[in-house]
Amino acid sequence: MSWKPGDRREPSEAMIRVDHAGEYGATRIYAGQLAVLGDRHPAARAISHMAHQEARHRAFFDRLIVERGVRPTLLQPFWTVAGFALGAVTAALGPDAAMACTAAVETEIDKHYEQQLVALGDDDPELSAAILDFQAEEVEHRDHALAAGAENTPGYPVLSGIIRLGCKVAIAAAQRL
């Protein structure tokens, strides 16, 4: 890879660390939602499908962390609790709020992955291919959430804004810590 200290581009190690943390957080959000909604709720099938895809994304980054010797984020214990809590709280507000959470998170992840693809260029074909694949699924999750009533949530713009800001902060923190 052509990245070197002093470059403004994010090295692939930081990308792997933050993406691993994000996919882990996503699995925890869906676990929280399913814990509240249960597996018999009409939204559970879609949430389970999204959770399965996020688990596949996480498994890829689990493998890269080991193969490339990348240190996982020090905030992993925090994501365990925060992700589950975010999922549980939004699901407790109702299925539309759970979908609002998904729409907000996936909006930021789509942007984040797009920035990573631009930064990577041709430097890391394996990582770029995975990010491109995962980005398409994240967009699918966002679009499903919007179609399923995310914007019907009372206070949607505020809830979405808070969750999106939280994602931005989480991304910045996981890149460094």
N, C-alpha and C. Protein backbone atom coordinates (compact mmCIF):
# COMPACT_ATOMS: atom_id res chain seq x y z
N MET A 1 0.85 -1.18 0.00
CA MET A 1 0.00 0.00 0.00
C MET A 1 0.89 1.23 0.00
N SER A 2 0.42 2.31 -0.60
CA SER A 2 1.27 3.49 -0.75
C SER A 2 1.10 4.52 0.36
N TRP A 3 0.28 4.28 1.35
CA TRP A 3 0.10 5.23 2.45
C TRP A 3 1.36 5.29 3.30
N LYS A 4 1.72 6.48 3.75
CA LYS A 4 2.88 6.61 4.64
C LYS A 4 2.57 7.70 5.66
N PRO A 5 3.28 7.69 6.80
CA PRO A 5 3.03 8.71 7.82
C PRO A 5 3.11 10.11 7.22
N GLY A 6 2.19 10.94 7.65
CA GLY A 6 2.13 12.29 7.15
C GLY A 6 1.08 12.48 6.06
N ASP A 7 0.69 11.37 5.40
CA ASP A 7 -0.37 11.45 4.41
C ASP A 7 -1.67 11.78 5.11
N ARG A 8 -2.55 12.46 4.41
CA ARG A 8 -3.84 12.81 4.99
C ARG A 8 -4.85 11.70 4.83
N ARG A 9 -4.55 10.74 4.01
CA ARG A 9 -5.46 9.62 3.80
C ARG A 9 -5.44 8.70 5.01
N GLU A 10 -6.57 8.08 5.23
CA GLU A 10 -6.71 7.13 6.34
C GLU A 10 -6.05 5.81 5.94
N PRO A 11 -5.12 5.29 6.72
CA PRO A 11 -4.50 4.00 6.38
C PRO A 11 -5.53 2.88 6.48
N SER A 12 -5.31 1.81 5.73
CA SER A 12 -6.27 0.71 5.73
C SER A 12 -6.42 0.09 7.11
N GLU A 13 -5.38 0.15 7.96
CA GLU A 13 -5.50 -0.42 9.30
C GLU A 13 -6.58 0.31 10.10
N ALA A 14 -6.62 1.63 9.99
CA ALA A 14 -7.66 2.39 10.69
C ALA A 14 -9.02 2.10 10.09
N MET A 15 -9.07 1.92 8.78
CA MET A 15 -10.34 1.57 8.13
C MET A 15 -10.86 0.23 8.64
N ILE A 16 -9.98 -0.72 8.72
CA ILE A 16 -10.38 -2.05 9.21
C ILE A 16 -10.85 -1.95 10.65
N ARG A 17 -10.13 -1.21 11.47
CA ARG A 17 -10.51 -1.07 12.88
C ARG A 17 -11.90 -0.44 13.02
N VAL A 18 -12.15 0.65 12.31
CA VAL A 18 -13.43 1.34 12.44
C VAL A 18 -14.55 0.52 11.81
N ASP A 19 -14.29 -0.15 10.70
CA ASP A 19 -15.33 -0.95 10.07
C ASP A 19 -15.68 -2.17 10.92
N HIS A 20 -14.67 -2.76 11.52
CA HIS A 20 -14.91 -3.88 12.44
C HIS A 20 -15.79 -3.42 13.60
N ALA A 21 -15.44 -2.28 14.17
CA ALA A 21 -16.23 -1.74 15.29
C ALA A 21 -17.66 -1.42 14.84
N GLY A 22 -17.81 -0.86 13.66
CA GLY A 22 -19.13 -0.51 13.16
C GLY A 22 -20.00 -1.72 12.90
N GLU A 23 -19.42 -2.73 12.29
CA GLU A 23 -20.20 -3.95 12.02
C GLU A 23 -20.55 -4.66 13.33
N TYR A 24 -19.63 -4.63 14.27
CA TYR A 24 -19.94 -5.20 15.59
C TYR A 24 -21.09 -4.43 16.23
N GLY A 25 -21.01 -3.09 16.18
CA GLY A 25 -22.07 -2.26 16.75
C GLY A 25 -23.41 -2.54 16.08
N ALA A 26 -23.40 -2.74 14.77
CA ALA A 26 -24.64 -3.03 14.05
C ALA A 26 -25.27 -4.34 14.52
N THR A 27 -24.43 -5.35 14.75
CA THR A 27 -24.98 -6.62 15.23
C THR A 27 -25.60 -6.44 16.61
N ARG A 28 -25.01 -5.57 17.41
CA ARG A 28 -25.55 -5.31 18.76
C ARG A 28 -26.86 -4.51 18.69
N ILE A 29 -26.95 -3.56 17.76
CA ILE A 29 -28.20 -2.80 17.59
C ILE A 29 -29.34 -3.75 17.24
N TYR A 30 -29.10 -4.62 16.27
CA TYR A 30 -30.16 -5.56 15.87
C TYR A 30 -30.49 -6.55 16.98
N ALA A 31 -29.49 -6.93 17.76
CA ALA A 31 -29.76 -7.82 18.90
C ALA A 31 -30.67 -7.13 19.90
N GLY A 32 -30.43 -5.85 20.15
CA GLY A 32 -31.28 -5.09 21.06
C GLY A 32 -32.69 -4.95 20.53
N GLN A 33 -32.81 -4.69 19.24
CA GLN A 33 -34.14 -4.56 18.64
C GLN A 33 -34.91 -5.87 18.73
N LEU A 34 -34.25 -6.97 18.42
CA LEU A 34 -34.93 -8.26 18.46
C LEU A 34 -35.27 -8.68 19.89
N ALA A 35 -34.43 -8.28 20.84
CA ALA A 35 -34.71 -8.60 22.25
C ALA A 35 -36.00 -7.94 22.70
N VAL A 36 -36.28 -6.74 22.21
CA VAL A 36 -37.49 -6.02 22.59
C VAL A 36 -38.69 -6.45 21.74
N LEU A 37 -38.50 -6.52 20.44
CA LEU A 37 -39.62 -6.83 19.55
C LEU A 37 -39.99 -8.31 19.56
N GLY A 38 -39.02 -9.15 19.82
CA GLY A 38 -39.26 -10.59 19.80
C GLY A 38 -39.22 -11.13 18.38
N ASP A 39 -39.19 -12.43 18.26
CA ASP A 39 -39.07 -13.02 16.93
C ASP A 39 -40.41 -13.20 16.24
N ARG A 40 -41.50 -12.89 16.92
CA ARG A 40 -42.82 -13.02 16.31
C ARG A 40 -43.36 -11.70 15.78
N HIS A 41 -42.71 -10.63 16.08
CA HIS A 41 -43.15 -9.33 15.60
C HIS A 41 -42.99 -9.29 14.08
N PRO A 42 -43.93 -8.65 13.37
CA PRO A 42 -43.82 -8.59 11.90
C PRO A 42 -42.49 -8.00 11.39
N ALA A 43 -41.88 -7.10 12.13
CA ALA A 43 -40.61 -6.50 11.70
C ALA A 43 -39.42 -7.42 11.94
N ALA A 44 -39.62 -8.47 12.74
CA ALA A 44 -38.50 -9.32 13.14
C ALA A 44 -37.84 -10.02 11.96
N ARG A 45 -38.61 -10.41 10.97
CA ARG A 45 -38.02 -11.12 9.83
C ARG A 45 -37.02 -10.23 9.10
N ALA A 46 -37.42 -8.98 8.84
CA ALA A 46 -36.51 -8.06 8.16
C ALA A 46 -35.30 -7.74 9.02
N ILE A 47 -35.53 -7.52 10.31
CA ILE A 47 -34.41 -7.22 11.22
C ILE A 47 -33.46 -8.40 11.29
N SER A 48 -34.00 -9.60 11.36
CA SER A 48 -33.15 -10.80 11.40
C SER A 48 -32.32 -10.93 10.13
N HIS A 49 -32.92 -10.63 9.00
CA HIS A 49 -32.20 -10.68 7.72
C HIS A 49 -31.04 -9.67 7.74
N MET A 50 -31.32 -8.45 8.18
CA MET A 50 -30.28 -7.43 8.24
C MET A 50 -29.19 -7.84 9.23
N ALA A 51 -29.61 -8.39 10.37
CA ALA A 51 -28.64 -8.83 11.38
C ALA A 51 -27.73 -9.92 10.82
N HIS A 52 -28.30 -10.82 10.03
CA HIS A 52 -27.50 -11.89 9.42
C HIS A 52 -26.45 -11.30 8.48
N GLN A 53 -26.84 -10.32 7.67
CA GLN A 53 -25.88 -9.68 6.77
C GLN A 53 -24.79 -8.95 7.56
N GLU A 54 -25.18 -8.25 8.62
CA GLU A 54 -24.19 -7.55 9.45
C GLU A 54 -23.22 -8.54 10.10
N ALA A 55 -23.71 -9.71 10.49
CA ALA A 55 -22.84 -10.73 11.07
C ALA A 55 -21.83 -11.22 10.03
N ARG A 56 -22.25 -11.32 8.78
CA ARG A 56 -21.33 -11.71 7.70
C ARG A 56 -20.27 -10.62 7.50
N HIS A 57 -20.68 -9.35 7.55
CA HIS A 57 -19.72 -8.26 7.42
C HIS A 57 -18.71 -8.31 8.57
N ARG A 58 -19.25 -8.51 9.76
CA ARG A 58 -18.38 -8.56 10.95
C ARG A 58 -17.38 -9.71 10.84
N ALA A 59 -17.83 -10.86 10.36
CA ALA A 59 -16.94 -12.01 10.23
C ALA A 59 -15.78 -11.70 9.28
N PHE A 60 -16.05 -10.97 8.21
CA PHE A 60 -14.99 -10.57 7.29
C PHE A 60 -13.96 -9.71 8.03
N PHE A 61 -14.44 -8.72 8.78
CA PHE A 61 -13.51 -7.85 9.50
C PHE A 61 -12.84 -8.57 10.66
N ASP A 62 -13.52 -9.52 11.28
CA ASP A 62 -12.86 -10.36 12.30
C ASP A 62 -11.64 -11.05 11.69
N ARG A 63 -11.82 -11.58 10.49
CA ARG A 63 -10.74 -12.28 9.79
C ARG A 63 -9.61 -11.30 9.44
N LEU A 64 -9.95 -10.14 8.91
CA LEU A 64 -8.91 -9.18 8.54
C LEU A 64 -8.12 -8.67 9.74
N ILE A 65 -8.81 -8.47 10.85
CA ILE A 65 -8.14 -8.02 12.08
C ILE A 65 -7.02 -8.98 12.44
N VAL A 66 -7.32 -10.28 12.35
CA VAL A 66 -6.34 -11.30 12.70
C VAL A 66 -5.25 -11.40 11.63
N GLU A 67 -5.67 -11.55 10.37
CA GLU A 67 -4.70 -11.73 9.28
C GLU A 67 -3.72 -10.58 9.14
N ARG A 68 -4.21 -9.36 9.35
CA ARG A 68 -3.36 -8.19 9.13
C ARG A 68 -2.79 -7.61 10.42
N GLY A 69 -3.09 -8.25 11.54
CA GLY A 69 -2.55 -7.80 12.81
C GLY A 69 -3.01 -6.41 13.21
N VAL A 70 -4.28 -6.10 12.93
CA VAL A 70 -4.83 -4.80 13.26
C VAL A 70 -5.41 -4.84 14.68
N ARG A 71 -5.06 -3.85 15.46
CA ARG A 71 -5.60 -3.75 16.82
C ARG A 71 -7.07 -3.33 16.75
N PRO A 72 -7.96 -4.11 17.38
CA PRO A 72 -9.36 -3.67 17.43
C PRO A 72 -9.49 -2.41 18.27
N THR A 73 -10.61 -1.74 18.12
CA THR A 73 -10.84 -0.54 18.90
C THR A 73 -10.84 -0.85 20.40
N LEU A 74 -10.32 0.07 21.16
CA LEU A 74 -10.35 -0.07 22.62
C LEU A 74 -11.76 0.15 23.17
N LEU A 75 -12.65 0.65 22.32
CA LEU A 75 -14.01 0.96 22.74
C LEU A 75 -14.98 -0.22 22.57
N GLN A 76 -14.47 -1.39 22.21
CA GLN A 76 -15.32 -2.56 21.97
C GLN A 76 -16.29 -2.84 23.13
N PRO A 77 -15.85 -2.79 24.38
CA PRO A 77 -16.81 -3.03 25.47
C PRO A 77 -17.94 -1.99 25.49
N PHE A 78 -17.62 -0.77 25.12
CA PHE A 78 -18.63 0.28 25.06
C PHE A 78 -19.65 -0.02 23.96
N TRP A 79 -19.16 -0.46 22.77
CA TRP A 79 -20.08 -0.77 21.66
C TRP A 79 -21.02 -1.89 22.04
N THR A 80 -20.54 -2.83 22.85
CA THR A 80 -21.39 -3.95 23.27
C THR A 80 -22.64 -3.43 23.96
N VAL A 81 -22.46 -2.53 24.88
CA VAL A 81 -23.57 -1.98 25.65
C VAL A 81 -24.33 -0.91 24.86
N ALA A 82 -23.61 0.02 24.26
CA ALA A 82 -24.25 1.14 23.57
C ALA A 82 -25.06 0.67 22.37
N GLY A 83 -24.53 -0.26 21.59
CA GLY A 83 -25.26 -0.77 20.43
C GLY A 83 -26.54 -1.46 20.84
N PHE A 84 -26.44 -2.35 21.83
CA PHE A 84 -27.63 -3.06 22.31
C PHE A 84 -28.65 -2.08 22.86
N ALA A 85 -28.18 -1.11 23.65
CA ALA A 85 -29.10 -0.12 24.25
C ALA A 85 -29.79 0.70 23.17
N LEU A 86 -29.05 1.14 22.16
CA LEU A 86 -29.67 1.91 21.08
C LEU A 86 -30.74 1.09 20.38
N GLY A 87 -30.45 -0.15 20.09
CA GLY A 87 -31.43 -1.02 19.45
C GLY A 87 -32.64 -1.25 20.33
N ALA A 88 -32.42 -1.52 21.60
CA ALA A 88 -33.53 -1.80 22.52
C ALA A 88 -34.40 -0.56 22.73
N VAL A 89 -33.78 0.59 22.92
CA VAL A 89 -34.55 1.82 23.15
C VAL A 89 -35.39 2.17 21.94
N THR A 90 -34.78 2.12 20.75
CA THR A 90 -35.55 2.48 19.57
C THR A 90 -36.67 1.47 19.32
N ALA A 91 -36.43 0.19 19.55
CA ALA A 91 -37.49 -0.81 19.39
C ALA A 91 -38.59 -0.60 20.42
N ALA A 92 -38.23 -0.19 21.63
CA ALA A 92 -39.24 0.06 22.68
C ALA A 92 -40.14 1.23 22.28
N LEU A 93 -39.61 2.15 21.48
CA LEU A 93 -40.42 3.26 20.98
C LEU A 93 -41.38 2.80 19.88
N GLY A 94 -41.13 1.64 19.33
CA GLY A 94 -42.00 1.07 18.31
C GLY A 94 -41.24 0.66 17.08
N PRO A 95 -41.86 -0.15 16.22
CA PRO A 95 -41.17 -0.64 15.03
C PRO A 95 -40.74 0.48 14.07
N ASP A 96 -41.52 1.55 13.99
CA ASP A 96 -41.11 2.66 13.12
C ASP A 96 -39.82 3.29 13.64
N ALA A 97 -39.70 3.42 14.96
CA ALA A 97 -38.48 3.99 15.55
C ALA A 97 -37.29 3.06 15.35
N ALA A 98 -37.53 1.76 15.43
CA ALA A 98 -36.45 0.81 15.15
C ALA A 98 -35.97 0.99 13.72
N MET A 99 -36.90 1.19 12.80
CA MET A 99 -36.53 1.42 11.40
C MET A 99 -35.86 2.78 11.23
N ALA A 100 -36.27 3.77 12.02
CA ALA A 100 -35.63 5.08 11.98
C ALA A 100 -34.17 4.96 12.39
N CYS A 101 -33.91 4.15 13.38
CA CYS A 101 -32.54 3.90 13.82
C CYS A 101 -31.73 3.30 12.67
N THR A 102 -32.28 2.29 12.03
CA THR A 102 -31.59 1.65 10.91
C THR A 102 -31.33 2.65 9.80
N ALA A 103 -32.34 3.43 9.44
CA ALA A 103 -32.18 4.40 8.35
C ALA A 103 -31.08 5.41 8.68
N ALA A 104 -31.05 5.88 9.91
CA ALA A 104 -30.04 6.87 10.31
C ALA A 104 -28.64 6.28 10.28
N VAL A 105 -28.49 5.12 10.89
CA VAL A 105 -27.18 4.47 10.93
C VAL A 105 -26.68 4.17 9.52
N GLU A 106 -27.55 3.59 8.71
CA GLU A 106 -27.11 3.17 7.37
C GLU A 106 -26.84 4.37 6.46
N THR A 107 -27.51 5.49 6.69
CA THR A 107 -27.20 6.70 5.93
C THR A 107 -25.76 7.12 6.17
N GLU A 108 -25.34 7.10 7.43
CA GLU A 108 -23.97 7.49 7.76
C GLU A 108 -22.96 6.45 7.29
N ILE A 109 -23.32 5.17 7.39
CA ILE A 109 -22.40 4.12 6.97
C ILE A 109 -22.19 4.17 5.45
N ASP A 110 -23.25 4.45 4.71
CA ASP A 110 -23.12 4.60 3.26
C ASP A 110 -22.11 5.70 2.94
N LYS A 111 -22.23 6.85 3.58
CA LYS A 111 -21.30 7.96 3.36
C LYS A 111 -19.88 7.57 3.77
N HIS A 112 -19.78 6.91 4.91
CA HIS A 112 -18.47 6.49 5.43
C HIS A 112 -17.78 5.52 4.47
N TYR A 113 -18.52 4.53 4.00
CA TYR A 113 -17.95 3.57 3.06
C TYR A 113 -17.55 4.24 1.75
N GLU A 114 -18.36 5.19 1.29
CA GLU A 114 -18.02 5.90 0.05
C GLU A 114 -16.70 6.66 0.22
N GLN A 115 -16.52 7.32 1.35
CA GLN A 115 -15.26 8.04 1.62
C GLN A 115 -14.09 7.06 1.65
N GLN A 116 -14.30 5.90 2.24
CA GLN A 116 -13.22 4.91 2.29
C GLN A 116 -12.85 4.41 0.90
N LEU A 117 -13.85 4.17 0.06
CA LEU A 117 -13.57 3.69 -1.29
C LEU A 117 -12.75 4.71 -2.08
N VAL A 118 -13.08 5.98 -1.93
CA VAL A 118 -12.32 7.04 -2.60
C VAL A 118 -10.89 7.06 -2.06
N ALA A 119 -10.75 6.98 -0.75
CA ALA A 119 -9.42 7.02 -0.13
C ALA A 119 -8.56 5.81 -0.52
N LEU A 120 -9.19 4.65 -0.63
CA LEU A 120 -8.44 3.45 -0.97
C LEU A 120 -7.95 3.45 -2.41
N GLY A 121 -8.76 3.97 -3.30
CA GLY A 121 -8.38 3.90 -4.71
C GLY A 121 -8.12 2.45 -5.09
N ASP A 122 -6.95 2.21 -5.65
CA ASP A 122 -6.57 0.85 -6.07
C ASP A 122 -5.61 0.18 -5.08
N ASP A 123 -5.41 0.80 -3.91
CA ASP A 123 -4.37 0.34 -2.98
C ASP A 123 -4.66 -1.00 -2.32
N ASP A 124 -5.92 -1.34 -2.09
CA ASP A 124 -6.25 -2.56 -1.35
C ASP A 124 -7.49 -3.20 -1.97
N PRO A 125 -7.31 -3.95 -3.06
CA PRO A 125 -8.46 -4.51 -3.78
C PRO A 125 -9.37 -5.40 -2.93
N GLU A 126 -8.79 -6.17 -2.02
CA GLU A 126 -9.62 -7.04 -1.18
C GLU A 126 -10.54 -6.22 -0.29
N LEU A 127 -9.99 -5.20 0.36
CA LEU A 127 -10.79 -4.36 1.24
C LEU A 127 -11.81 -3.56 0.43
N SER A 128 -11.40 -3.01 -0.69
CA SER A 128 -12.31 -2.24 -1.53
C SER A 128 -13.49 -3.08 -2.00
N ALA A 129 -13.23 -4.30 -2.43
CA ALA A 129 -14.31 -5.17 -2.92
C ALA A 129 -15.31 -5.47 -1.80
N ALA A 130 -14.79 -5.74 -0.61
CA ALA A 130 -15.68 -6.03 0.52
C ALA A 130 -16.50 -4.80 0.89
N ILE A 131 -15.87 -3.65 0.95
CA ILE A 131 -16.58 -2.42 1.30
C ILE A 131 -17.67 -2.14 0.27
N LEU A 132 -17.37 -2.32 -0.99
CA LEU A 132 -18.36 -2.08 -2.05
C LEU A 132 -19.55 -3.03 -1.88
N ASP A 133 -19.29 -4.28 -1.60
CA ASP A 133 -20.34 -5.27 -1.37
C ASP A 133 -21.17 -4.91 -0.14
N PHE A 134 -20.49 -4.60 0.95
CA PHE A 134 -21.19 -4.29 2.20
C PHE A 134 -21.98 -2.98 2.07
N GLN A 135 -21.41 -2.01 1.37
CA GLN A 135 -22.10 -0.74 1.17
C GLN A 135 -23.44 -0.97 0.48
N ALA A 136 -23.47 -1.82 -0.52
CA ALA A 136 -24.73 -2.11 -1.23
C ALA A 136 -25.77 -2.68 -0.27
N GLU A 137 -25.34 -3.55 0.63
CA GLU A 137 -26.29 -4.12 1.60
C GLU A 137 -26.73 -3.09 2.62
N GLU A 138 -25.84 -2.19 3.01
CA GLU A 138 -26.21 -1.13 3.96
C GLU A 138 -27.25 -0.20 3.32
N VAL A 139 -27.08 0.11 2.05
CA VAL A 139 -28.06 0.93 1.34
C VAL A 139 -29.40 0.20 1.26
N GLU A 140 -29.34 -1.10 1.03
CA GLU A 140 -30.55 -1.93 1.01
C GLU A 140 -31.26 -1.85 2.37
N HIS A 141 -30.51 -1.91 3.45
CA HIS A 141 -31.09 -1.81 4.80
C HIS A 141 -31.75 -0.44 4.99
N ARG A 142 -31.04 0.62 4.60
CA ARG A 142 -31.60 1.97 4.72
C ARG A 142 -32.90 2.10 3.94
N ASP A 143 -32.87 1.65 2.69
CA ASP A 143 -34.05 1.78 1.84
C ASP A 143 -35.22 0.97 2.38
N HIS A 144 -34.92 -0.22 2.90
CA HIS A 144 -35.99 -1.03 3.50
C HIS A 144 -36.58 -0.30 4.71
N ALA A 145 -35.71 0.24 5.54
CA ALA A 145 -36.17 0.93 6.76
C ALA A 145 -37.06 2.12 6.40
N LEU A 146 -36.67 2.87 5.39
CA LEU A 146 -37.49 4.01 4.97
C LEU A 146 -38.84 3.54 4.42
N ALA A 147 -38.82 2.48 3.63
CA ALA A 147 -40.07 1.94 3.08
C ALA A 147 -40.95 1.34 4.17
N ALA A 148 -40.34 0.88 5.25
CA ALA A 148 -41.09 0.24 6.35
C ALA A 148 -41.63 1.24 7.36
N GLY A 149 -41.43 2.54 7.13
CA GLY A 149 -42.05 3.52 8.00
C GLY A 149 -41.14 4.30 8.92
N ALA A 150 -39.85 4.29 8.68
CA ALA A 150 -38.92 5.02 9.54
C ALA A 150 -39.33 6.47 9.73
N GLU A 151 -39.73 7.11 8.66
CA GLU A 151 -40.06 8.54 8.72
C GLU A 151 -41.40 8.82 9.40
N ASN A 152 -42.15 7.77 9.72
CA ASN A 152 -43.41 7.93 10.45
C ASN A 152 -43.18 8.10 11.95
N THR A 153 -41.97 7.89 12.40
CA THR A 153 -41.64 8.01 13.82
C THR A 153 -41.85 9.45 14.29
N PRO A 154 -42.62 9.65 15.37
CA PRO A 154 -42.74 11.02 15.90
C PRO A 154 -41.35 11.58 16.22
N GLY A 155 -41.10 12.80 15.77
CA GLY A 155 -39.79 13.42 16.01
C GLY A 155 -38.70 12.83 15.16
N TYR A 156 -39.04 12.22 14.03
CA TYR A 156 -38.05 11.54 13.18
C TYR A 156 -36.81 12.40 12.88
N PRO A 157 -36.98 13.66 12.46
CA PRO A 157 -35.76 14.43 12.13
C PRO A 157 -34.81 14.57 13.33
N VAL A 158 -35.36 14.73 14.51
CA VAL A 158 -34.52 14.87 15.70
C VAL A 158 -33.85 13.54 16.04
N LEU A 159 -34.66 12.47 16.09
CA LEU A 159 -34.11 11.14 16.40
C LEU A 159 -33.04 10.76 15.38
N SER A 160 -33.34 10.94 14.12
CA SER A 160 -32.39 10.61 13.07
C SER A 160 -31.11 11.44 13.21
N GLY A 161 -31.26 12.72 13.47
CA GLY A 161 -30.10 13.59 13.63
C GLY A 161 -29.21 13.19 14.79
N ILE A 162 -29.82 12.82 15.90
CA ILE A 162 -29.06 12.40 17.08
C ILE A 162 -28.29 11.11 16.78
N ILE A 163 -28.97 10.15 16.15
CA ILE A 163 -28.33 8.86 15.84
C ILE A 163 -27.21 9.07 14.82
N ARG A 164 -27.45 9.89 13.82
CA ARG A 164 -26.42 10.15 12.81
C ARG A 164 -25.21 10.84 13.43
N LEU A 165 -25.44 11.79 14.32
CA LEU A 165 -24.32 12.44 15.02
C LEU A 165 -23.56 11.41 15.85
N GLY A 166 -24.28 10.55 16.54
CA GLY A 166 -23.63 9.49 17.32
C GLY A 166 -22.77 8.59 16.44
N CYS A 167 -23.24 8.29 15.25
CA CYS A 167 -22.45 7.48 14.32
C CYS A 167 -21.17 8.19 13.92
N LYS A 168 -21.27 9.46 13.63
CA LYS A 168 -20.09 10.23 13.24
C LYS A 168 -19.05 10.25 14.37
N VAL A 169 -19.53 10.44 15.58
CA VAL A 169 -18.62 10.45 16.74
C VAL A 169 -18.00 9.07 16.92
N ALA A 170 -18.81 8.03 16.79
CA ALA A 170 -18.32 6.66 16.96
C ALA A 170 -17.26 6.34 15.91
N ILE A 171 -17.49 6.76 14.68
CA ILE A 171 -16.52 6.51 13.61
C ILE A 171 -15.19 7.21 13.92
N ALA A 172 -15.27 8.47 14.30
CA ALA A 172 -14.05 9.22 14.61
C ALA A 172 -13.29 8.60 15.78
N ALA A 173 -14.03 8.19 16.81
CA ALA A 173 -13.39 7.59 17.99
C ALA A 173 -12.74 6.25 17.66
N ALA A 174 -13.45 5.42 16.92
CA ALA A 174 -12.92 4.07 16.61
C ALA A 174 -11.71 4.15 15.69
N GLN A 175 -11.60 5.17 14.86
CA GLN A 175 -10.42 5.31 14.01
C GLN A 175 -9.17 5.54 14.83
N ARG A 176 -9.34 6.20 15.96
CA ARG A 176 -8.18 6.59 16.76
C ARG A 176 -7.93 5.69 17.97
N LEU A 177 -8.98 5.22 18.56
CA LEU A 177 -8.83 4.44 19.81
C LEU A 177 -8.96 2.95 19.59
